[in-house]
Amino acid sequence: MTGKPIISVRGLHNSFGDQVIHDGVDLDVFRGEILGVVGGSGTGKSVLMRSIIGLQRPDAGKITVLGENMIDRSEDEAKNIRRRWGILFQNGALFSTLSVAENVEVPIREYFPFLKPPLLDEIASFKIAMSGLEPDAGPKYPSELSGGMRKRAGLARALALDPELLFLDEPTAGLDPIAAAAFDELIHSLQQRLDLTVFLITHDLDTLYTICDRVAVLADKKVIAVGTIPELMALDHPWIQEYFNGPRGRSAAISHKEPVEA
């Protein structure tokens, strides 16, 4: 990839007590790409995302997002940057006491408190439709939705402020294969239509093959490799080989017509 990265991480260190999670993570994400982030359990995929968006203060390192330094920003400065991205957390992370439409309106109300209810309702309805939900989902509460619908409602909220950058944390986890494939197709369609840059944490091999332009591998407390799936499969790191050339990896490669080593 060429050009100036939209996300740049250099020398990132994160730890919890004596447990070191990241020890010098470097990563670039470029405008207009869907970058998949993979790694074994405990490698700090979500911690990396939380560091980038400012929910986790790293021990050391430099992070820039959309050309802005994310370390030691004032709350007002950070708020202005956060307005330019959307986040879908695992399981949607919806407010249980608010309807779907009200959940979508939360970030809009935060940044545009002067908007009148009719316009708020119209924007929420539009975002709900963009996420692939039926109009009657708006008045429903999260407890009335299936797991896939909750993820789409969370996506609608992530899109509320017309972001340039979208963070997705395990968006297809817990979905059946048909629902997961539909969600992948939705993300890919939205990325193209809205010119989004997508930072996507996943363990879903089908998602990686279907929509990701590049994949970053977290292991050994660092990003050990970034590239296309064929580029990664050519590397001899044991975790990468086990992940992409194990039984599930080989099955996903065959289904997506990728070459597999004999």
C-alpha atoms as a PDB file:
ATOM      1  CA  MET A   1       0.000   0.000   0.000  1.00  0.00           C
ATOM      2  CA  THR A   2       1.139   3.546  -0.708  1.00  0.00           C
ATOM      3  CA  GLY A   3       0.218   6.992   0.524  1.00  0.00           C
ATOM      4  CA  LYS A   4      -0.041   8.405   4.011  1.00  0.00           C
ATOM      5  CA  PRO A   5      -1.633   5.979   6.497  1.00  0.00           C
ATOM      6  CA  ILE A   6      -4.956   6.939   8.063  1.00  0.00           C
ATOM      7  CA  ILE A   7      -3.880   5.048  11.210  1.00  0.00           C
ATOM      8  CA  SER A   8      -0.244   4.797  12.279  1.00  0.00           C
ATOM      9  CA  VAL A   9       0.963   2.924  15.381  1.00  0.00           C
ATOM     10  CA  ARG A  10       4.617   2.976  16.375  1.00  0.00           C
ATOM     11  CA  GLY A  11       6.348   1.287  19.297  1.00  0.00           C
ATOM     12  CA  LEU A  12       3.134   0.546  21.186  1.00  0.00           C
ATOM     13  CA  HIS A  13       3.542  -0.988  24.631  1.00  0.00           C
ATOM     14  CA  ASN A  14       0.615  -2.181  26.736  1.00  0.00           C
ATOM     15  CA  SER A  15       0.672  -4.136  29.966  1.00  0.00           C
ATOM     16  CA  PHE A  16      -1.613  -5.047  32.843  1.00  0.00           C
ATOM     17  CA  GLY A  17       0.484  -5.390  35.953  1.00  0.00           C
ATOM     18  CA  ASP A  18       3.303  -7.802  35.169  1.00  0.00           C
ATOM     19  CA  GLN A  19       1.549  -9.118  32.067  1.00  0.00           C
ATOM     20  CA  VAL A  20       2.949  -7.543  28.913  1.00  0.00           C
ATOM     21  CA  ILE A  21       0.398  -7.532  26.085  1.00  0.00           C
ATOM     22  CA  HIS A  22       2.195  -5.467  23.443  1.00  0.00           C
ATOM     23  CA  ASP A  23       5.925  -4.921  23.240  1.00  0.00           C
ATOM     24  CA  GLY A  24       6.640  -2.586  20.345  1.00  0.00           C
ATOM     25  CA  VAL A  25       3.636  -2.903  18.023  1.00  0.00           C
ATOM     26  CA  ASP A  26       3.967  -1.118  14.667  1.00  0.00           C
ATOM     27  CA  LEU A  27       1.042  -0.939  12.235  1.00  0.00           C
ATOM     28  CA  ASP A  28      -0.216   1.218   9.364  1.00  0.00           C
ATOM     29  CA  VAL A  29      -3.760   1.275   7.989  1.00  0.00           C
ATOM     30  CA  PHE A  30      -4.276   3.012   4.659  1.00  0.00           C
ATOM     31  CA  ARG A  31      -7.240   5.015   3.440  1.00  0.00           C
ATOM     32  CA  GLY A  32      -9.915   3.008   1.682  1.00  0.00           C
ATOM     33  CA  GLU A  33      -8.766  -0.458   2.749  1.00  0.00           C
ATOM     34  CA  ILE A  34     -10.351  -3.118   4.897  1.00  0.00           C
ATOM     35  CA  LEU A  35      -7.639  -4.340   7.235  1.00  0.00           C
ATOM     36  CA  GLY A  36      -8.280  -7.553   9.117  1.00  0.00           C
ATOM     37  CA  VAL A  37      -6.516  -8.068  12.459  1.00  0.00           C
ATOM     38  CA  VAL A  38      -6.008 -11.644  13.638  1.00  0.00           C
ATOM     39  CA  GLY A  39      -4.148 -13.353  16.453  1.00  0.00           C
ATOM     40  CA  GLY A  40      -4.503 -16.017  19.067  1.00  0.00           C
ATOM     41  CA  SER A  41      -6.427 -15.578  22.294  1.00  0.00           C
ATOM     42  CA  GLY A  42      -4.707 -13.110  24.593  1.00  0.00           C
ATOM     43  CA  THR A  43      -2.616 -11.426  21.911  1.00  0.00           C
ATOM     44  CA  GLY A  44      -4.332  -8.099  22.525  1.00  0.00           C
ATOM     45  CA  LYS A  45      -6.401  -7.514  19.410  1.00  0.00           C
ATOM     46  CA  SER A  46      -9.125  -5.624  21.267  1.00  0.00           C
ATOM     47  CA  VAL A  47      -6.526  -3.870  23.443  1.00  0.00           C
ATOM     48  CA  LEU A  48      -4.880  -2.609  20.253  1.00  0.00           C
ATOM     49  CA  MET A  49      -8.186  -1.224  18.997  1.00  0.00           C
ATOM     50  CA  ARG A  50      -8.965   0.325  22.373  1.00  0.00           C
ATOM     51  CA  SER A  51      -5.540   1.992  22.370  1.00  0.00           C
ATOM     52  CA  ILE A  52      -6.129   3.453  18.925  1.00  0.00           C
ATOM     53  CA  ILE A  53      -9.535   4.883  19.833  1.00  0.00           C
ATOM     54  CA  GLY A  54      -8.362   6.226  23.187  1.00  0.00           C
ATOM     55  CA  LEU A  55     -10.096   3.845  25.599  1.00  0.00           C
ATOM     56  CA  GLN A  56      -6.801   2.273  26.660  1.00  0.00           C
ATOM     57  CA  ARG A  57      -3.852   4.446  27.634  1.00  0.00           C
ATOM     58  CA  PRO A  58      -0.669   2.711  26.442  1.00  0.00           C
ATOM     59  CA  ASP A  59       2.490   2.539  28.510  1.00  0.00           C
ATOM     60  CA  ALA A  60       4.515   3.885  25.590  1.00  0.00           C
ATOM     61  CA  GLY A  61       4.316   4.463  21.863  1.00  0.00           C
ATOM     62  CA  LYS A  62       2.851   6.826  19.304  1.00  0.00           C
ATOM     63  CA  ILE A  63      -0.573   6.636  17.678  1.00  0.00           C
ATOM     64  CA  THR A  64      -1.887   8.929  14.972  1.00  0.00           C
ATOM     65  CA  VAL A  65      -5.394   8.680  13.525  1.00  0.00           C
ATOM     66  CA  LEU A  66      -6.592  10.815  10.621  1.00  0.00           C
ATOM     67  CA  GLY A  67      -3.351  12.774  10.909  1.00  0.00           C
ATOM     68  CA  GLU A  68      -3.894  13.589  14.590  1.00  0.00           C
ATOM     69  CA  ASN A  69      -1.785  12.464  17.531  1.00  0.00           C
ATOM     70  CA  MET A  70      -4.003  10.413  19.853  1.00  0.00           C
ATOM     71  CA  ILE A  71      -1.762  10.414  22.913  1.00  0.00           C
ATOM     72  CA  ASP A  72      -2.306  13.038  25.621  1.00  0.00           C
ATOM     73  CA  ARG A  73      -5.098  14.910  23.856  1.00  0.00           C
ATOM     74  CA  SER A  74      -7.530  17.048  25.784  1.00  0.00           C
ATOM     75  CA  GLU A  75     -11.080  15.727  25.997  1.00  0.00           C
ATOM     76  CA  ASP A  76     -12.358  18.389  23.584  1.00  0.00           C
ATOM     77  CA  GLU A  77      -9.603  17.614  21.070  1.00  0.00           C
ATOM     78  CA  ALA A  78     -10.223  13.876  21.325  1.00  0.00           C
ATOM     79  CA  LYS A  79     -13.968  14.403  20.931  1.00  0.00           C
ATOM     80  CA  ASN A  80     -13.460  16.255  17.658  1.00  0.00           C
ATOM     81  CA  ILE A  81     -11.400  13.356  16.309  1.00  0.00           C
ATOM     82  CA  ARG A  82     -13.814  10.680  17.560  1.00  0.00           C
ATOM     83  CA  ARG A  83     -16.586  12.338  15.599  1.00  0.00           C
ATOM     84  CA  ARG A  84     -14.853  11.111  12.429  1.00  0.00           C
ATOM     85  CA  TRP A  85     -15.066   7.399  13.219  1.00  0.00           C
ATOM     86  CA  GLY A  86     -17.650   4.802  14.184  1.00  0.00           C
ATOM     87  CA  ILE A  87     -17.259   1.704  16.335  1.00  0.00           C
ATOM     88  CA  LEU A  88     -19.093  -1.600  16.436  1.00  0.00           C
ATOM     89  CA  PHE A  89     -18.145  -3.393  19.652  1.00  0.00           C
ATOM     90  CA  GLN A  90     -18.686  -7.090  20.223  1.00  0.00           C
ATOM     91  CA  ASN A  91     -22.379  -7.999  20.542  1.00  0.00           C
ATOM     92  CA  GLY A  92     -23.373  -4.481  19.488  1.00  0.00           C
ATOM     93  CA  ALA A  93     -22.959  -2.919  22.981  1.00  0.00           C
ATOM     94  CA  LEU A  94     -26.374  -1.275  22.715  1.00  0.00           C
ATOM     95  CA  PHE A  95     -28.038   0.582  25.584  1.00  0.00           C
ATOM     96  CA  SER A  96     -30.617  -1.912  26.786  1.00  0.00           C
ATOM     97  CA  THR A  97     -33.106   0.710  27.990  1.00  0.00           C
ATOM     98  CA  LEU A  98     -33.161   2.576  24.665  1.00  0.00           C
ATOM     99  CA  SER A  99     -34.873   1.526  21.464  1.00  0.00           C
ATOM    100  CA  VAL A 100     -32.826   0.861  18.336  1.00  0.00           C
ATOM    101  CA  ALA A 101     -33.677   4.300  16.966  1.00  0.00           C
ATOM    102  CA  GLU A 102     -32.773   5.953  20.270  1.00  0.00           C
ATOM    103  CA  ASN A 103     -29.449   4.077  20.314  1.00  0.00           C
ATOM    104  CA  VAL A 104     -28.655   5.393  16.845  1.00  0.00           C
ATOM    105  CA  GLU A 105     -29.547   8.910  17.940  1.00  0.00           C
ATOM    106  CA  VAL A 106     -27.151   8.881  20.932  1.00  0.00           C
ATOM    107  CA  PRO A 107     -24.014  10.058  19.070  1.00  0.00           C
ATOM    108  CA  ILE A 108     -26.052  12.493  16.972  1.00  0.00           C
ATOM    109  CA  ARG A 109     -27.486  14.126  20.097  1.00  0.00           C
ATOM    110  CA  GLU A 110     -24.001  14.357  21.603  1.00  0.00           C
ATOM    111  CA  TYR A 111     -22.562  16.304  18.682  1.00  0.00           C
ATOM    112  CA  PHE A 112     -25.689  18.057  17.386  1.00  0.00           C
ATOM    113  CA  PRO A 113     -27.883  18.779  20.438  1.00  0.00           C
ATOM    114  CA  PHE A 114     -29.786  21.463  18.537  1.00  0.00           C
ATOM    115  CA  LEU A 115     -31.378  19.040  16.063  1.00  0.00           C
ATOM    116  CA  LYS A 116     -35.135  18.665  16.371  1.00  0.00           C
ATOM    117  CA  PRO A 117     -36.795  15.268  17.019  1.00  0.00           C
ATOM    118  CA  PRO A 118     -38.316  14.902  13.521  1.00  0.00           C
ATOM    119  CA  LEU A 119     -34.900  15.264  11.879  1.00  0.00           C
ATOM    120  CA  LEU A 120     -33.298  12.950  14.436  1.00  0.00           C
ATOM    121  CA  ASP A 121     -35.948  10.338  13.703  1.00  0.00           C
ATOM    122  CA  GLU A 122     -35.383  10.698   9.972  1.00  0.00           C
ATOM    123  CA  ILE A 123     -31.600  10.284  10.289  1.00  0.00           C
ATOM    124  CA  ALA A 124     -32.001   7.266  12.566  1.00  0.00           C
ATOM    125  CA  SER A 125     -34.435   5.635  10.139  1.00  0.00           C
ATOM    126  CA  PHE A 126     -31.990   6.154   7.289  1.00  0.00           C
ATOM    127  CA  LYS A 127     -29.084   4.619   9.219  1.00  0.00           C
ATOM    128  CA  ILE A 128     -31.241   1.683  10.291  1.00  0.00           C
ATOM    129  CA  ALA A 129     -32.124   1.042   6.659  1.00  0.00           C
ATOM    130  CA  MET A 130     -28.455   1.295   5.672  1.00  0.00           C
ATOM    131  CA  SER A 131     -27.644  -1.455   8.160  1.00  0.00           C
ATOM    132  CA  GLY A 132     -30.095  -3.817   6.518  1.00  0.00           C
ATOM    133  CA  LEU A 133     -32.779  -3.750   9.200  1.00  0.00           C
ATOM    134  CA  GLU A 134     -36.481  -3.401   8.473  1.00  0.00           C
ATOM    135  CA  PRO A 135     -38.135  -0.083   9.446  1.00  0.00           C
ATOM    136  CA  ASP A 136     -40.071  -1.777  12.259  1.00  0.00           C
ATOM    137  CA  ALA A 137     -36.753  -2.436  14.058  1.00  0.00           C
ATOM    138  CA  GLY A 138     -36.514   1.226  15.092  1.00  0.00           C
ATOM    139  CA  PRO A 139     -38.983   1.123  18.010  1.00  0.00           C
ATOM    140  CA  LYS A 140     -37.756  -2.244  19.287  1.00  0.00           C
ATOM    141  CA  TYR A 141     -35.448  -2.749  22.244  1.00  0.00           C
ATOM    142  CA  PRO A 142     -32.212  -4.781  22.064  1.00  0.00           C
ATOM    143  CA  SER A 143     -33.815  -7.615  24.069  1.00  0.00           C
ATOM    144  CA  GLU A 144     -36.362  -8.018  21.270  1.00  0.00           C
ATOM    145  CA  LEU A 145     -33.709  -8.520  18.590  1.00  0.00           C
ATOM    146  CA  SER A 146     -31.789 -11.561  17.433  1.00  0.00           C
ATOM    147  CA  GLY A 147     -28.000 -11.543  17.728  1.00  0.00           C
ATOM    148  CA  GLY A 148     -27.573 -10.641  14.075  1.00  0.00           C
ATOM    149  CA  MET A 149     -30.106  -7.831  14.336  1.00  0.00           C
ATOM    150  CA  ARG A 150     -28.327  -6.414  17.395  1.00  0.00           C
ATOM    151  CA  LYS A 151     -25.071  -6.305  15.435  1.00  0.00           C
ATOM    152  CA  ARG A 152     -26.801  -4.484  12.584  1.00  0.00           C
ATOM    153  CA  ALA A 153     -28.340  -2.040  15.063  1.00  0.00           C
ATOM    154  CA  GLY A 154     -24.874  -1.448  16.506  1.00  0.00           C
ATOM    155  CA  LEU A 155     -23.595  -0.880  12.989  1.00  0.00           C
ATOM    156  CA  ALA A 156     -26.365   1.656  12.356  1.00  0.00           C
ATOM    157  CA  ARG A 157     -25.212   3.563  15.443  1.00  0.00           C
ATOM    158  CA  ALA A 158     -21.578   3.344  14.282  1.00  0.00           C
ATOM    159  CA  LEU A 159     -22.632   4.969  10.994  1.00  0.00           C
ATOM    160  CA  ALA A 160     -24.696   7.709  12.664  1.00  0.00           C
ATOM    161  CA  LEU A 161     -22.158  10.517  12.140  1.00  0.00           C
ATOM    162  CA  ASP A 162     -21.121   9.566   8.579  1.00  0.00           C
ATOM    163  CA  PRO A 163     -17.646   8.368   9.660  1.00  0.00           C
ATOM    164  CA  GLU A 164     -14.529   8.144   7.539  1.00  0.00           C
ATOM    165  CA  LEU A 165     -13.205   5.271   9.600  1.00  0.00           C
ATOM    166  CA  LEU A 166     -15.012   2.221  10.941  1.00  0.00           C
ATOM    167  CA  PHE A 167     -13.793  -0.041  13.758  1.00  0.00           C
ATOM    168  CA  LEU A 168     -15.348  -3.498  13.953  1.00  0.00           C
ATOM    169  CA  ASP A 169     -14.599  -5.923  16.799  1.00  0.00           C
ATOM    170  CA  GLU A 170     -15.527  -9.519  15.898  1.00  0.00           C
ATOM    171  CA  PRO A 171     -18.566  -8.457  13.852  1.00  0.00           C
ATOM    172  CA  THR A 172     -19.559 -11.983  12.774  1.00  0.00           C
ATOM    173  CA  ALA A 173     -18.872 -13.773  16.083  1.00  0.00           C
ATOM    174  CA  GLY A 174     -21.862 -15.839  17.162  1.00  0.00           C
ATOM    175  CA  LEU A 175     -23.625 -15.612  13.792  1.00  0.00           C
ATOM    176  CA  ASP A 176     -24.592 -18.635  11.737  1.00  0.00           C
ATOM    177  CA  PRO A 177     -22.739 -18.990   8.390  1.00  0.00           C
ATOM    178  CA  ILE A 178     -25.564 -17.483   6.345  1.00  0.00           C
ATOM    179  CA  ALA A 179     -25.947 -14.455   8.628  1.00  0.00           C
ATOM    180  CA  ALA A 180     -22.164 -14.017   8.799  1.00  0.00           C
ATOM    181  CA  ALA A 181     -21.858 -14.066   5.004  1.00  0.00           C
ATOM    182  CA  ALA A 182     -24.664 -11.502   4.721  1.00  0.00           C
ATOM    183  CA  PHE A 183     -22.949  -9.256   7.260  1.00  0.00           C
ATOM    184  CA  ASP A 184     -19.637  -9.519   5.371  1.00  0.00           C
ATOM    185  CA  GLU A 185     -21.415  -8.530   2.163  1.00  0.00           C
ATOM    186  CA  LEU A 186     -23.026  -5.566   3.925  1.00  0.00           C
ATOM    187  CA  ILE A 187     -19.682  -4.309   5.272  1.00  0.00           C
ATOM    188  CA  HIS A 188     -18.043  -4.631   1.871  1.00  0.00           C
ATOM    189  CA  SER A 189     -20.921  -2.815   0.184  1.00  0.00           C
ATOM    190  CA  LEU A 190     -20.889   0.019   2.736  1.00  0.00           C
ATOM    191  CA  GLN A 191     -17.108   0.350   2.487  1.00  0.00           C
ATOM    192  CA  GLN A 192     -17.344   0.855  -1.268  1.00  0.00           C
ATOM    193  CA  ARG A 193     -20.401   3.109  -1.240  1.00  0.00           C
ATOM    194  CA  LEU A 194     -19.220   5.330   1.609  1.00  0.00           C
ATOM    195  CA  ASP A 195     -15.472   5.203   0.869  1.00  0.00           C
ATOM    196  CA  LEU A 196     -14.801   3.905   4.367  1.00  0.00           C
ATOM    197  CA  THR A 197     -11.552   2.704   5.861  1.00  0.00           C
ATOM    198  CA  VAL A 198     -12.233  -0.367   8.013  1.00  0.00           C
ATOM    199  CA  PHE A 199     -10.200  -1.747  10.934  1.00  0.00           C
ATOM    200  CA  LEU A 200     -11.673  -5.195  11.503  1.00  0.00           C
ATOM    201  CA  ILE A 201     -10.789  -7.602  14.316  1.00  0.00           C
ATOM    202  CA  THR A 202     -11.888 -11.119  13.465  1.00  0.00           C
ATOM    203  CA  HIS A 203     -11.135 -14.804  13.762  1.00  0.00           C
ATOM    204  CA  ASP A 204     -13.479 -15.629  10.878  1.00  0.00           C
ATOM    205  CA  LEU A 205     -11.449 -16.999   7.964  1.00  0.00           C
ATOM    206  CA  ASP A 206     -14.363 -16.511   5.565  1.00  0.00           C
ATOM    207  CA  THR A 207     -14.458 -12.815   6.474  1.00  0.00           C
ATOM    208  CA  LEU A 208     -10.727 -12.492   5.832  1.00  0.00           C
ATOM    209  CA  TYR A 209     -10.974 -14.136   2.422  1.00  0.00           C
ATOM    210  CA  THR A 210     -14.177 -12.373   1.404  1.00  0.00           C
ATOM    211  CA  ILE A 211     -13.643  -8.703   2.241  1.00  0.00           C
ATOM    212  CA  CYS A 212     -10.185  -7.946   3.670  1.00  0.00           C
ATOM    213  CA  ASP A 213      -7.592  -6.246   1.468  1.00  0.00           C
ATOM    214  CA  ARG A 214      -4.780  -7.013   3.911  1.00  0.00           C
ATOM    215  CA  VAL A 215      -4.427  -8.911   7.174  1.00  0.00           C
ATOM    216  CA  ALA A 216      -2.263  -7.990  10.186  1.00  0.00           C
ATOM    217  CA  VAL A 217      -1.118 -10.827  12.440  1.00  0.00           C
ATOM    218  CA  LEU A 218      -0.600 -10.220  16.165  1.00  0.00           C
ATOM    219  CA  ALA A 219       1.740 -12.728  17.812  1.00  0.00           C
ATOM    220  CA  ASP A 220       4.755 -12.664  20.107  1.00  0.00           C
ATOM    221  CA  LYS A 221       3.467  -9.318  21.501  1.00  0.00           C
ATOM    222  CA  LYS A 222       3.978  -7.590  18.134  1.00  0.00           C
ATOM    223  CA  VAL A 223       2.492  -7.336  14.672  1.00  0.00           C
ATOM    224  CA  ILE A 224       4.657 -10.001  13.081  1.00  0.00           C
ATOM    225  CA  ALA A 225       3.331  -9.644   9.526  1.00  0.00           C
ATOM    226  CA  VAL A 226       0.944  -7.606   7.382  1.00  0.00           C
ATOM    227  CA  GLY A 227      -0.066  -8.521   3.857  1.00  0.00           C
ATOM    228  CA  THR A 228      -2.515 -10.275   1.603  1.00  0.00           C
ATOM    229  CA  ILE A 229      -3.467 -13.819   2.536  1.00  0.00           C
ATOM    230  CA  PRO A 230      -1.231 -15.369  -0.162  1.00  0.00           C
ATOM    231  CA  GLU A 231       1.670 -13.257   1.127  1.00  0.00           C
ATOM    232  CA  LEU A 232       1.043 -14.412   4.700  1.00  0.00           C
ATOM    233  CA  MET A 233       0.715 -18.053   3.684  1.00  0.00           C
ATOM    234  CA  ALA A 234       4.179 -17.869   2.157  1.00  0.00           C
ATOM    235  CA  LEU A 235       5.698 -17.078   5.569  1.00  0.00           C
ATOM    236  CA  ASP A 236       7.051 -19.838   7.808  1.00  0.00           C
ATOM    237  CA  HIS A 237       5.881 -18.528  11.194  1.00  0.00           C
ATOM    238  CA  PRO A 238       4.243 -21.489  13.000  1.00  0.00           C
ATOM    239  CA  TRP A 239       1.087 -19.636  14.108  1.00  0.00           C
ATOM    240  CA  ILE A 240       0.471 -18.242  10.622  1.00  0.00           C
ATOM    241  CA  GLN A 241       0.935 -21.673   9.057  1.00  0.00           C
ATOM    242  CA  GLU A 242      -1.353 -23.325  11.586  1.00  0.00           C
ATOM    243  CA  TYR A 243      -4.011 -20.635  11.155  1.00  0.00           C
ATOM    244  CA  PHE A 244      -4.111 -20.430   7.367  1.00  0.00           C
ATOM    245  CA  ASN A 245      -3.001 -23.962   6.476  1.00  0.00           C
ATOM    246  CA  GLY A 246      -4.858 -25.834   9.231  1.00  0.00           C
ATOM    247  CA  PRO A 247      -8.032 -27.756   8.328  1.00  0.00           C
ATOM    248  CA  ARG A 248     -10.325 -24.724   8.614  1.00  0.00           C
ATOM    249  CA  GLY A 249      -7.898 -22.473   6.804  1.00  0.00           C
ATOM    250  CA  ARG A 250      -7.530 -24.922   3.949  1.00  0.00           C
ATOM    251  CA  SER A 251     -11.307 -25.313   3.720  1.00  0.00           C
ATOM    252  CA  ALA A 252     -11.793 -21.539   3.573  1.00  0.00           C
ATOM    253  CA  ALA A 253      -9.056 -21.228   0.949  1.00  0.00           C
ATOM    254  CA  ILE A 254     -10.657 -23.872  -1.229  1.00  0.00           C
ATOM    255  CA  SER A 255     -14.120 -22.324  -0.933  1.00  0.00           C
ATOM    256  CA  HIS A 256     -12.705 -18.958  -1.958  1.00  0.00           C
ATOM    257  CA  LYS A 257     -10.525 -20.493  -4.700  1.00  0.00           C
ATOM    258  CA  GLU A 258      -7.223 -19.468  -3.155  1.00  0.00           C
ATOM    259  CA  PRO A 259      -4.176 -21.616  -3.860  1.00  0.00           C
ATOM    260  CA  VAL A 260      -3.284 -23.938  -0.995  1.00  0.00           C
ATOM    261  CA  GLU A 261       0.108 -25.507  -0.457  1.00  0.00           C
ATOM    262  CA  ALA A 262       0.198 -29.250  -1.009  1.00  0.00           C
END
